[in-house]
Protein backbone atom coordinates (compact mmCIF):
# COMPACT_ATOMS: atom_id res chain seq x y z
CA MET A 1 0.00 0.00 0.00
CA THR A 2 1.43 3.34 -1.03
CA ILE A 3 1.08 6.30 1.29
CA ARG A 4 0.76 9.68 -0.40
CA ARG A 5 1.21 12.78 1.67
CA THR A 6 0.54 16.36 0.64
CA LEU A 7 3.29 18.24 2.43
CA THR A 8 2.56 20.84 5.06
CA VAL A 9 4.75 23.41 6.74
CA GLN A 10 4.86 21.03 9.71
CA ASP A 11 6.18 18.21 7.51
CA LEU A 12 9.06 20.34 6.26
CA ALA A 13 9.83 21.33 9.84
CA ALA A 14 9.81 17.64 10.85
CA LEU A 15 12.38 16.85 8.14
CA ARG A 16 14.64 19.61 9.43
CA GLN A 17 14.20 18.65 13.06
CA ASN A 18 15.07 15.02 12.27
CA ARG A 19 18.13 16.12 10.27
CA ILE A 20 16.81 14.66 7.01
CA PHE A 21 17.91 16.77 4.06
CA THR A 22 16.51 17.40 0.58
CA THR A 23 19.37 19.57 -0.74
CA PRO A 24 23.15 19.50 -0.27
CA ASP A 25 23.18 22.92 1.39
CA GLY A 26 20.36 22.16 3.82
CA SER A 27 17.77 24.43 2.22
CA ASP A 28 14.25 23.21 1.47
CA ARG A 29 13.79 21.69 -2.00
CA LEU A 30 10.24 20.57 -1.23
CA THR A 31 7.39 23.00 -0.69
CA PRO A 32 4.00 22.85 1.05
CA GLY A 33 1.37 21.42 -1.27
CA GLU A 34 3.68 18.97 -3.06
CA THR A 35 2.80 15.29 -2.72
CA VAL A 36 5.40 12.74 -1.65
CA SER A 37 4.99 8.95 -1.68
CA PHE A 38 6.41 6.14 0.42
CA ASN A 39 5.63 2.63 1.62
CA PRO A 40 4.42 2.04 5.19
CA ASP A 41 7.62 0.19 6.13
CA VAL A 42 10.03 2.88 4.93
CA VAL A 43 12.52 3.96 7.62
CA ILE A 44 14.67 7.04 7.20
CA GLU A 45 17.70 7.69 9.36
CA LYS A 46 19.11 11.02 10.47
CA TYR A 47 21.80 12.68 8.37
CA SER A 48 20.51 11.24 5.09
CA GLY A 49 20.22 13.23 1.87
CA HIS A 50 17.27 12.83 -0.54
CA PHE A 51 18.32 15.28 -3.23
CA SER A 52 15.88 14.42 -6.03
CA GLY A 53 12.31 13.34 -6.63
CA LEU A 54 9.18 12.95 -4.53
CA ILE A 55 9.68 9.32 -3.46
CA PHE A 56 11.07 8.47 -0.03
CA CYS A 57 12.67 5.04 0.31
CA THR A 58 14.52 3.48 3.22
CA MET A 59 17.87 5.20 3.59
CA GLY A 60 20.55 4.91 6.25
CA ALA A 61 22.52 7.64 7.99
CA PHE A 62 25.29 9.47 6.11
CA SER A 63 23.93 8.31 2.73
CA TYR A 64 22.69 10.50 -0.09
CA SER A 65 21.11 10.06 -3.51
CA TRP A 66 20.95 12.43 -6.47
CA SER A 67 18.66 10.03 -8.34
CA HIS A 68 14.92 10.30 -8.83
CA PHE A 69 13.34 6.89 -8.20
CA ASN A 70 9.76 6.12 -9.23
CA THR A 71 6.74 4.50 -7.59
CA LEU A 72 7.91 1.00 -8.57
CA ASP A 73 11.05 1.49 -6.48
CA MET A 74 9.58 2.51 -3.15
CA ASP A 75 10.76 -0.76 -1.59
CA LEU A 76 14.36 0.20 -2.42
CA LYS A 77 16.60 -0.14 0.63
CA ILE A 78 19.79 1.92 0.91
CA GLY A 79 22.25 1.34 3.73
CA ARG A 80 24.53 3.79 5.51
CA TYR A 81 27.42 5.75 4.01
CA CYS A 82 26.17 5.26 0.44
CA SER A 83 26.87 7.68 -2.40
CA ILE A 84 24.40 7.50 -5.30
CA ALA A 85 24.99 9.74 -8.31
CA GLY A 86 22.32 11.14 -10.61
CA ASN A 87 20.11 9.27 -13.07
CA VAL A 88 20.54 5.85 -11.47
CA THR A 89 17.51 3.77 -12.48
CA VAL A 90 15.94 0.42 -11.63
CA PHE A 91 14.59 -2.03 -14.23
CA PRO A 92 10.81 -1.98 -14.62
CA GLY A 93 8.90 -5.18 -15.43
CA ASN A 94 9.78 -7.81 -18.03
CA HIS A 95 8.19 -8.52 -21.43
CA PRO A 96 7.43 -12.00 -22.88
CA LEU A 97 10.48 -12.84 -25.01
CA GLN A 98 9.05 -16.25 -25.99
CA PHE A 99 5.91 -14.74 -27.62
CA LEU A 100 5.46 -13.65 -31.22
CA THR A 101 5.74 -10.06 -29.95
CA THR A 102 7.18 -8.49 -26.84
CA SER A 103 4.43 -5.83 -26.95
CA SER A 104 2.43 -5.36 -23.77
CA CYS A 105 -0.77 -5.59 -25.83
CA THR A 106 -0.63 -9.35 -25.26
CA GLY A 107 -1.52 -8.88 -21.63
CA ASP A 108 -1.50 -5.34 -20.23
CA ILE A 109 -4.79 -4.28 -21.77
CA GLU A 110 -5.41 -1.78 -18.97
CA LEU A 111 -2.72 0.44 -20.49
CA ALA A 112 -4.68 3.40 -21.90
CA PRO A 113 -3.67 3.04 -25.60
CA PHE A 114 -4.52 -0.68 -25.66
CA ARG A 115 -7.75 -0.22 -23.71
CA ALA A 116 -8.82 2.51 -26.14
CA ALA A 117 -8.09 0.25 -29.15
CA ILE A 118 -10.23 -2.56 -27.72
CA GLU A 119 -13.07 -0.11 -27.06
CA ASP A 120 -12.86 1.44 -30.54
CA PHE A 121 -12.59 -1.83 -32.47
CA GLY A 122 -15.48 -3.39 -30.58
CA ASP A 123 -15.97 -7.06 -29.67
CA THR A 124 -13.37 -8.79 -31.86
CA GLY A 125 -12.89 -11.71 -29.49
CA PHE A 126 -9.34 -10.60 -28.55
CA VAL A 127 -7.93 -12.81 -25.79
CA PRO A 128 -4.95 -11.61 -23.69
CA ARG A 129 -2.29 -14.30 -23.48
CA TYR A 130 0.16 -12.82 -21.04
CA SER A 131 -0.17 -12.30 -17.32
CA PRO A 132 2.70 -10.14 -16.10
CA ALA A 133 4.55 -11.83 -13.27
CA PRO A 134 4.74 -9.97 -9.97
CA LEU A 135 7.62 -7.54 -9.96
CA ALA A 136 10.76 -8.71 -8.22
CA PRO A 137 11.66 -6.49 -5.28
CA ALA A 138 13.77 -3.40 -5.82
CA PRO A 139 17.51 -3.81 -5.21
CA VAL A 140 18.96 -3.96 -1.73
CA ILE A 141 21.91 -1.60 -1.47
CA GLY A 142 24.28 -2.42 1.36
CA HIS A 143 26.39 -0.06 3.43
CA ASP A 144 29.20 2.05 1.97
CA VAL A 145 28.10 1.50 -1.65
CA TRP A 146 29.06 3.93 -4.41
CA ILE A 147 26.88 3.96 -7.57
CA GLY A 148 28.07 6.06 -10.50
CA GLN A 149 26.06 8.28 -12.82
CA ASP A 150 23.57 6.64 -15.22
CA ALA A 151 23.90 3.15 -13.77
CA THR A 152 20.95 0.77 -14.19
CA LEU A 153 20.12 -1.86 -11.59
CA ALA A 154 18.11 -5.05 -12.10
CA ARG A 155 15.37 -5.91 -9.67
CA GLY A 156 15.89 -8.58 -7.04
CA ILE A 157 19.65 -8.07 -6.71
CA THR A 158 21.83 -7.08 -3.77
CA LEU A 159 24.76 -4.71 -3.92
CA GLY A 160 27.10 -5.94 -1.20
CA HIS A 161 28.66 -3.71 1.43
CA GLY A 162 31.53 -1.62 0.16
CA CYS A 163 31.02 -2.33 -3.55
CA ALA A 164 31.30 0.29 -6.29
CA VAL A 165 29.35 0.46 -9.56
CA GLY A 166 30.92 2.25 -12.51
CA THR A 167 29.25 5.05 -14.45
CA GLY A 168 26.75 3.79 -17.04
CA SER A 169 26.91 0.18 -15.86
CA VAL A 170 23.98 -2.18 -16.26
CA VAL A 171 23.97 -4.41 -13.19
CA THR A 172 22.02 -7.61 -13.81
CA LYS A 173 23.34 -9.77 -10.96
CA SER A 174 24.13 -9.33 -7.30
CA VAL A 175 27.51 -7.77 -6.56
CA PRO A 176 29.81 -9.24 -3.87
CA PRO A 177 31.00 -7.03 -1.02
CA TYR A 178 33.89 -4.72 -1.92
CA ALA A 179 33.79 -5.58 -5.62
CA LEU A 180 34.27 -2.92 -8.28
CA VAL A 181 31.95 -3.62 -11.24
CA ALA A 182 31.50 -1.86 -14.57
CA GLY A 183 30.16 -2.44 -18.09
CA ASN A 184 27.04 -3.71 -19.82
CA PRO A 185 26.36 -6.19 -18.39
CA ALA A 186 28.44 -5.22 -15.37
CA ARG A 187 31.35 -7.51 -14.54
CA ILE A 188 33.80 -7.57 -11.66
CA ILE A 189 36.83 -5.48 -12.61
CA ARG A 190 38.66 -6.10 -9.38
CA MET A 191 38.18 -6.29 -5.62
CA ARG A 192 38.84 -3.19 -3.60
CA PHE A 193 40.90 -5.05 -1.00
CA PRO A 194 42.50 -8.47 -0.46
CA ASP A 195 40.22 -11.16 0.97
CA PRO A 196 41.57 -10.96 4.55
CA MET A 197 40.92 -7.20 4.66
CA ILE A 198 37.42 -7.65 3.23
CA GLU A 199 36.65 -10.24 5.89
CA ALA A 200 37.93 -7.89 8.59
CA LEU A 201 35.89 -4.95 7.27
CA LEU A 202 32.71 -7.01 7.17
CA ALA A 203 33.33 -8.40 10.64
CA SER A 204 33.90 -4.90 12.06
CA ALA A 205 30.58 -3.55 10.71
CA TRP A 206 32.18 -0.12 11.13
CA TRP A 207 29.12 1.55 9.58
CA ARG A 208 27.25 1.00 12.82
CA TYR A 209 29.09 4.03 14.17
CA ALA A 210 28.77 7.76 13.44
CA PHE A 211 31.82 9.09 11.62
CA PRO A 212 32.29 12.16 13.91
CA HIS A 213 33.12 9.68 16.68
CA PHE A 214 36.06 8.37 14.65
CA GLY A 215 37.98 11.53 15.43
CA ALA A 216 41.47 11.39 13.92
CA MET A 217 41.29 7.70 13.01
CA ARG A 218 42.89 6.97 9.63
CA PHE A 219 40.30 6.31 6.92
CA ASP A 220 43.17 6.21 4.47
CA GLU A 221 44.81 3.30 6.35
CA PRO A 222 42.06 0.64 6.64
CA GLU A 223 44.14 -1.82 8.65
CA GLN A 224 45.20 0.82 11.15
CA PHE A 225 41.61 2.13 11.29
CA LEU A 226 40.22 -1.30 12.19
CA GLY A 227 42.82 -1.73 14.90
CA GLU A 228 41.94 1.60 16.50
CA LEU A 229 38.22 0.88 16.17
CA GLY A 230 38.67 -2.44 17.95
CA GLU A 231 40.52 -0.70 20.79
CA ARG A 232 37.80 1.90 21.20
CA ILE A 233 35.05 -0.73 21.19
CA ALA A 234 36.89 -2.75 23.82
CA ALA A 235 37.40 0.36 25.95
CA GLY A 236 33.76 1.36 25.60
CA THR A 237 34.68 4.79 24.23
CA ILE A 238 32.60 4.33 21.09
CA THR A 239 29.12 2.88 20.78
CA PRO A 240 26.84 2.17 17.80
CA PHE A 241 24.82 5.08 16.50
CA GLU A 242 21.11 4.36 16.66
CA SER A 243 18.80 6.36 14.43
CA GLY A 244 15.77 6.01 12.25
CA ILE A 245 12.16 7.06 12.05
CA ALA A 246 9.34 5.48 10.10
CA ALA A 247 8.24 7.77 7.29
CA LYS A 248 4.59 7.25 8.27
CA ASP A 249 5.45 8.67 11.71
CA LEU A 250 7.65 11.42 10.33
CA PHE A 251 4.74 12.79 8.32
CA SER A 252 1.98 11.98 10.81
CA SER A 253 1.32 15.41 12.31
CA PRO A 254 -2.02 16.84 11.18
CA PRO A 255 -1.83 20.22 9.51
CA THR A 256 -2.31 23.19 11.81
CA PRO A 257 -5.64 24.79 10.90
CA SER A 258 -5.48 28.31 9.57
CA PRO A 259 -6.60 30.92 12.12
CA PRO A 260 -10.09 32.29 11.50
CA PRO A 261 -10.22 35.70 9.83
CA PRO A 262 -10.66 38.65 12.20
CA PRO A 263 -14.26 39.81 12.64
CA PRO A 264 -15.25 42.92 10.69
CA PRO A 265 -15.20 46.18 12.65
CA PRO A 266 -18.54 47.49 13.98
CA PRO A 267 -20.41 49.72 11.50
CA HIS A 268 -20.07 52.85 13.66
CA LEU A 269 -16.27 52.51 13.61
CA VAL A 270 -16.33 52.17 9.83
CA ARG A 271 -18.45 55.34 9.51
CA SER A 272 -16.23 57.18 11.96
CA SER A 273 -13.09 56.31 10.00
CA ALA A 274 -14.75 57.30 6.73
CA ASN A 275 -15.88 60.65 8.14
CA ARG A 276 -12.39 61.47 9.38
CA ALA A 277 -11.01 60.71 5.92
CA LEU A 278 -13.65 62.93 4.28
CA ARG A 279 -12.99 65.83 6.63
CA ALA A 280 -9.29 65.59 5.82
CA LEU A 281 -10.21 66.00 2.15
CA GLY A 282 -12.62 68.89 2.83
CA LEU A 283 -15.64 66.79 1.87
CA LYS A 284 -18.96 66.20 3.57
CA LYS A 285 -19.58 63.54 6.13
CA THR A 286 -21.23 60.29 5.21
CA ARG A 287 -24.93 60.01 5.91
CA GLN A 288 -25.73 58.13 9.11
CA THR A 289 -27.83 55.07 8.53
CA PRO A 290 -30.66 54.91 11.08
C-alpha cells in the first residue's frame, strides 16, 4: 500500500528537526502542497540526503542520492554511508520474449492506448495471453556502496557492502562485497581489497558508528583504522549510533488549521473612519444610517 502525503509546513519542519535533508546545502527543495509517496515500512535515518524526486525510500545515515526513483522502487533499501549519483535507475517489469511479440498488448490491456483500441474496435474476441509476473523487489543496497552516474540496476539483486558500480553500468546480478563492477552487463573489474581485509571490514561492521566519533582515526589506512576501532570498542569509548524514524510517523502530524479571519469592525467605527477621511479631504460627512 502506497502512502501519499501532501506536504505541510509542519512536515518540512519535521524533516529539518530530524536532520533529514533534501538539498546538499540544507535548504528546502520541497514546498508545502507537493505530494510525496512512500511505503508504510520505509525507515529514514538522520543525516541522510534525498536530493531528487518525490519518493522516499529506506535510507541509512550518512547516505545521499541524487537520483529520482519512481513508484515501482519505493521498496528500495539503501544502507549507511552510500553515495548515489544522478540518473541511477531500476529495471521496470519484463516482457514476454518467448511470444510472437514483446508488446504489452498481449496482456497489459489496462494500459490506456490498448484499452482505447479494444473499445474502438469493438468485440473482436481478442484474448490476452500474457499475465505479467509480480515484480521482483527493488535492489537492496548495502552499506558504503558507491553507484556512479547513469547506472541501471536489475530488480531482485543485492549490492554488497563496500562495492562500487561504474558510471553507465547495467547491473544484472548481485555484486559481492567490496567488488568494483562496470560495463554492460556489469562484470567484476577487481576487488577493492585483499580477501583478509574484506573479511575484517565485514566483521567490524564499522558503519554502525557515526563518523564524527572516529575523530582522527585513519580512513586512508584501513588496517590501522580497524585496529583503533577495535581498541575503542573494547574500551567502551565508542558505541553504535542508533537512528531512524518510520516515514509514516515522520509525516503523521495533522496540519495546523489556519486561524479564523478577524471579525469585521462594527459599523459605527467604519463610519467614523470614513468621516475622518472625508474631513481631511474637505468633503462632507457620510450620511448616518438609522
